[in-house]
Protein backbone atom coordinates (compact mmCIF):
# COMPACT_ATOMS: atom_id res chain seq x y z
CA UNK A 1 -6.17 -1.76 -0.62
CA UNK A 2 -9.48 -5.19 -1.04
CA UNK A 3 -11.02 -6.53 2.38
CA UNK A 4 -12.28 -10.45 2.09
CA UNK A 5 -13.77 -11.44 5.02
CA UNK A 6 -12.51 -14.97 5.34
CA UNK A 7 -15.02 -17.53 3.93
CA UNK A 8 -16.25 -14.69 1.60
CA UNK A 9 -15.69 -14.23 -2.28
CA UNK A 10 -16.94 -10.90 -2.29
CA UNK A 11 -14.42 -7.50 -2.43
CA UNK A 12 -14.63 -4.38 -1.03
CA UNK A 13 -12.54 -1.30 -1.08
CA UNK A 14 -10.34 -0.16 2.43
CA UNK A 15 -8.94 2.72 3.07
CA UNK A 16 -6.84 4.29 5.67
CA UNK A 17 -7.87 7.68 5.81
CA UNK A 18 -5.38 8.76 8.91
CA UNK A 19 -3.64 7.99 11.60
CA UNK A 20 -2.73 11.07 14.10
CA UNK A 21 -1.08 8.21 17.23
CA UNK A 22 -3.19 6.02 18.11
CA UNK A 23 -6.90 7.11 16.64
CA UNK A 24 -7.30 6.36 13.13
CA UNK A 25 -9.54 6.34 10.01
CA UNK A 26 -10.26 4.39 7.88
CA UNK A 27 -12.88 3.90 5.10
CA UNK A 28 -14.46 0.72 4.62
CA UNK A 29 -17.37 0.16 1.20
CA UNK A 30 -19.19 4.01 2.15
CA UNK A 31 -18.93 3.57 5.69
CA UNK A 32 -16.15 5.54 7.56
CA UNK A 33 -14.49 4.34 10.96
CA UNK A 34 -13.11 5.76 13.46
CA UNK A 35 -10.82 3.18 15.61
CA UNK A 36 -8.31 3.65 19.08
CA UNK A 37 -4.76 0.48 18.18
CA UNK A 38 -3.33 -0.15 21.20
CA UNK A 39 -0.27 -2.14 20.39
CA UNK A 40 0.41 -4.88 22.39
CA UNK A 41 3.83 -7.24 23.04
CA UNK A 42 3.00 -10.09 20.11
CA UNK A 43 2.37 -7.80 17.10
CA UNK A 44 -0.92 -7.67 17.30
CA UNK A 45 -2.67 -4.97 19.72
CA UNK A 46 -6.31 -3.72 20.91
CA UNK A 47 -8.66 -2.05 18.41
CA UNK A 48 -10.87 0.29 20.31
CA UNK A 49 -14.62 0.91 17.69
CA UNK A 50 -18.03 3.16 19.47
CA UNK A 51 -16.08 1.87 23.37
CA UNK A 52 -15.86 -1.84 22.05
CA UNK A 53 -12.44 -3.55 21.99
CA UNK A 54 -11.51 -6.52 19.84
CA UNK A 55 -8.30 -8.35 19.90
CA UNK A 56 -6.44 -7.58 16.64
CA UNK A 57 -3.47 -9.31 14.94
CA UNK A 58 -1.84 -9.06 11.56
CA UNK A 59 0.39 -11.43 9.48
CA UNK A 60 2.06 -10.45 6.11
CA UNK A 61 1.57 -13.28 3.38
CA UNK A 62 3.35 -12.48 -0.51
CA UNK A 63 0.64 -9.99 -1.89
CA UNK A 64 -1.41 -9.10 1.46
CA UNK A 65 -2.15 -8.93 5.19
CA UNK A 66 -4.49 -11.82 7.13
CA UNK A 67 -5.61 -10.18 9.68
CA UNK A 68 -7.84 -11.85 12.49
CA UNK A 69 -9.99 -9.08 14.64
CA UNK A 70 -12.07 -11.15 17.40
CA UNK A 71 -13.63 -13.98 16.02
CA UNK A 72 -13.66 -12.60 12.08
CA UNK A 73 -9.92 -13.01 9.71
CA UNK A 74 -10.32 -10.66 6.52
CA UNK A 75 -8.05 -9.98 4.22
CA UNK A 76 -5.98 -7.08 2.89
CA UNK A 77 -5.06 -7.05 -1.06
CA UNK A 78 -3.46 -4.12 -3.13
CA UNK A 79 -6.31 -2.76 -4.72
CA UNK A 80 -5.31 -2.26 -8.93
CA UNK A 81 -5.13 1.32 -10.40
CA UNK A 82 -7.91 1.03 -12.30
CA UNK A 83 -8.72 4.83 -12.06
CA UNK A 84 -4.93 6.05 -12.62
CA UNK A 85 -5.20 3.60 -15.62
CA UNK A 86 -4.31 7.30 -18.13
CA UNK A 87 -1.53 7.38 -19.32
CA UNK A 88 -0.72 4.82 -22.15
CA UNK A 89 1.16 1.93 -21.28
CA UNK A 90 1.26 3.48 -18.07
CA UNK A 91 -0.68 1.55 -14.60
CA UNK A 92 0.53 4.10 -12.94
CA UNK A 93 2.08 7.57 -13.04
CA UNK A 94 3.04 7.92 -8.47
CA UNK A 95 3.08 5.51 -6.10
CA UNK A 96 1.65 6.48 -3.47
CA UNK A 97 1.72 5.72 0.56
CA UNK A 98 -1.23 3.61 0.86
CA UNK A 99 -1.44 4.46 4.54
CA UNK A 100 0.60 6.88 6.43
CA UNK A 101 3.97 5.57 7.06
CA UNK A 102 8.05 5.76 7.25
CA UNK A 103 9.89 4.61 4.56
CA UNK A 104 12.00 2.04 5.43
CA UNK A 105 14.04 1.77 1.97
CA UNK A 106 14.05 3.48 -1.69
CA UNK A 107 14.74 1.00 -3.62
CA UNK A 108 15.31 2.48 -7.27
CA UNK A 109 16.46 6.12 -8.24
CA UNK A 110 15.58 8.97 -10.56
CA UNK A 111 16.16 7.63 -14.53
CA UNK A 112 16.33 4.00 -13.58
CA UNK A 113 14.30 1.79 -15.98
CA UNK A 114 12.15 -0.48 -13.87
CA UNK A 115 10.33 -3.71 -14.86
CA UNK A 116 6.53 -4.12 -13.91
CA UNK A 117 6.77 -6.36 -10.67
CA UNK A 118 10.19 -4.70 -8.97
CA UNK A 119 10.20 -3.57 -5.95
CA UNK A 120 10.29 0.83 -5.58
CA UNK A 121 10.02 1.59 -1.96
CA UNK A 122 9.23 -0.10 1.29
CA UNK A 123 7.35 1.58 3.94
CA UNK A 124 6.63 0.49 7.56
CA UNK A 125 3.03 1.35 8.57
CA UNK A 126 1.89 -0.12 11.99
CA UNK A 127 4.63 -2.41 12.38
CA UNK A 128 4.21 -3.87 9.48
CA UNK A 129 6.60 -3.34 6.56
CA UNK A 130 5.30 -2.72 2.42
CA UNK A 131 6.93 -2.90 0.03
CA UNK A 132 5.45 -1.03 -3.32
CA UNK A 133 5.85 -2.15 -6.83
CA UNK A 134 5.97 -0.93 -9.89
CA UNK A 135 2.45 -2.30 -12.01
CA UNK A 136 3.81 -2.26 -15.81
CA UNK A 137 7.43 -1.31 -16.69
CA UNK A 138 8.46 2.02 -16.22
CA UNK A 139 11.17 4.89 -15.93
CA UNK A 140 12.04 6.27 -12.35
CA UNK A 141 11.00 10.09 -13.28
CA UNK A 142 11.38 11.73 -9.30
CA UNK A 143 11.73 10.04 -6.45
CA UNK A 144 10.06 12.56 -3.94
CA UNK A 145 11.18 10.72 -0.64
CA UNK A 146 13.99 9.26 1.40
CA UNK A 147 14.50 6.82 3.43
CA UNK A 148 13.27 7.85 6.95
CA UNK A 149 10.98 9.93 6.22
CA UNK A 150 7.42 10.16 7.84
CA UNK A 151 4.47 10.14 5.09
CA UNK A 152 0.99 10.49 5.13
CA UNK A 153 -1.68 8.78 3.64
CA UNK A 154 -1.32 9.17 -0.73
CA UNK A 155 1.80 11.45 -0.33
CA UNK A 156 3.00 10.67 -3.60
CA UNK A 157 6.52 8.44 -3.22
CA UNK A 158 7.97 8.37 -7.07
CA UNK A 159 6.63 9.50 -9.76
CA UNK A 160 6.54 7.57 -12.60
CA UNK A 161 6.88 7.55 -16.40
CA UNK A 162 6.10 5.50 -19.81
CA UNK A 163 8.79 3.58 -21.17
CA UNK A 164 10.65 3.77 -24.33
CA UNK A 165 8.01 3.80 -26.65
CA UNK A 166 10.16 0.92 -28.54
CA UNK A 167 8.88 -1.75 -26.16
CA UNK A 168 5.03 -2.81 -26.27
CA UNK A 169 5.59 -5.80 -24.00
CA UNK A 170 4.59 -6.57 -20.22
CA UNK A 171 8.76 -4.78 -19.09
CA UNK A 172 10.84 -2.57 -20.97
CA UNK A 173 14.66 -4.36 -22.09
CA UNK A 174 17.63 -2.55 -20.53
CA UNK A 175 19.56 -0.94 -22.28
CA UNK A 176 18.81 0.51 -26.57
């Protein structure tokens, strides 16, 4: 994910490394942080880092998550998978869990032809739902998870393969 502080245009890489109960480890830029998260009833919670406690609240937007931590506000956006652009015509060959969570819905099956932006799987992490979508047209090679399954950060959820060679457009046509 990318993180942007309100009022700043610089993007910083952010990644959840692990979650064990209420303890979370995240990498923000080059810094690794361990924190305790205690949820409360209004959808927010208390984040404790190095003995300091911060009220935290998050809200999901279409393509991002807005989070306020104490007086600071941040926006989390999906990171481009540029490092995975190895297969010609396919942005990412795998859809992976961006953080530990639970699979709520699997929206595709092996062999399905999907279009760019099509939702593939919905996961829940820290009481927030995240829909993971295809970055480009592709064929679902293998679905490796089931609804209700818990997944770790980085777990491969769905494997993709390039769309038929006859398609050079953003989304592959359905049928022959």
